[in-house]
Amino acid sequence: MEEKPVNKTNTNGYTFMFSIIMVVVVASVLAFTATTLQPIQNENVRQEKMQNILATVGIETERSEAEELYNEYITETIALNEDGSVAEGTDAFTVDLAKELKKPGAEQLYPLYIANVEGAKYYIIPLRGKGLWDAIFGYISLKDDVNTIKGAVFDHKGETPGLGGEITQMWFKQSFADEKIFDSSGNLIGVSVVKGNVDPTNKDDNKVDAISGATITGDGVSDMISERLLRYLPYFKKQTDIKVAIQ
């Protein structure tokens, strides 16, 4: 009786080899795509960073126009040492705050952006802290008295939508405008996110309304602001043109 030829495509060896080839092909395509898109992604991140910095001083712009406006309004980009001295040769934009926070305080660099908008001077400070699930971060700008907040932007990695994720919403960010970071005695205490803020129009109480159901995220924002701002106090104390009385 004549034997039928073996169909090699039905063998285990063929299946195994086919799977290996597909894995290699798919992995190669994904690696090529990731490599190709990486420069575009990096550029988007860079432009978005400029957008956020500008937003704190009231300059809202499309991503494609961010760099032009950034170069127009941001007049200085410096990095500070712990004692408030300027780290020569370091551009604030190149400082990775997430990496800096892993270092001891004395070894960290503290990026600072200085803007001039229609003759008004602003100091823009990057923020980074801990929310409920992961990192929270953003920027806060101070008017030239280094006491009054001009604006703030916040973002997060993994806060709960509708709860802690609300820190990105305009109503929350706008609540920080014109709040003071020093108390009546001249001590830098930042701004606290608190429940039941009696008078949201009172800009001298160092408080803004909390997000309902997001206490831990709100506490993270409060801690992040006070901790980061305190790091810049040595620099501000050295500036002779600052109007606020700093203790």
Foldseek 3Di string as FASTA:
>chain_A
DDDDDDDVCPDPVNVVVVVVVVVVVVVVVVVVVCVVCVVVVVLQVLLVQLQQQVVQQPDHDDSVCSVVVSVVWWDAKFKAAQLQHTDPPDGNSPFDVVVQVVDPNRPHIWIWIWTADPNWIKIKGKWWWAFDPGIKIWIWIDTLLNFFTQWIAIQTDDDDPLFLRCSRPPVNGVLRGGATQAAPVQEGQAAAADDCPPDSVPRRPSYGHHTPPRVRSRRGVSCRGSVSSVSNVSNVVPDPPRDGDHD
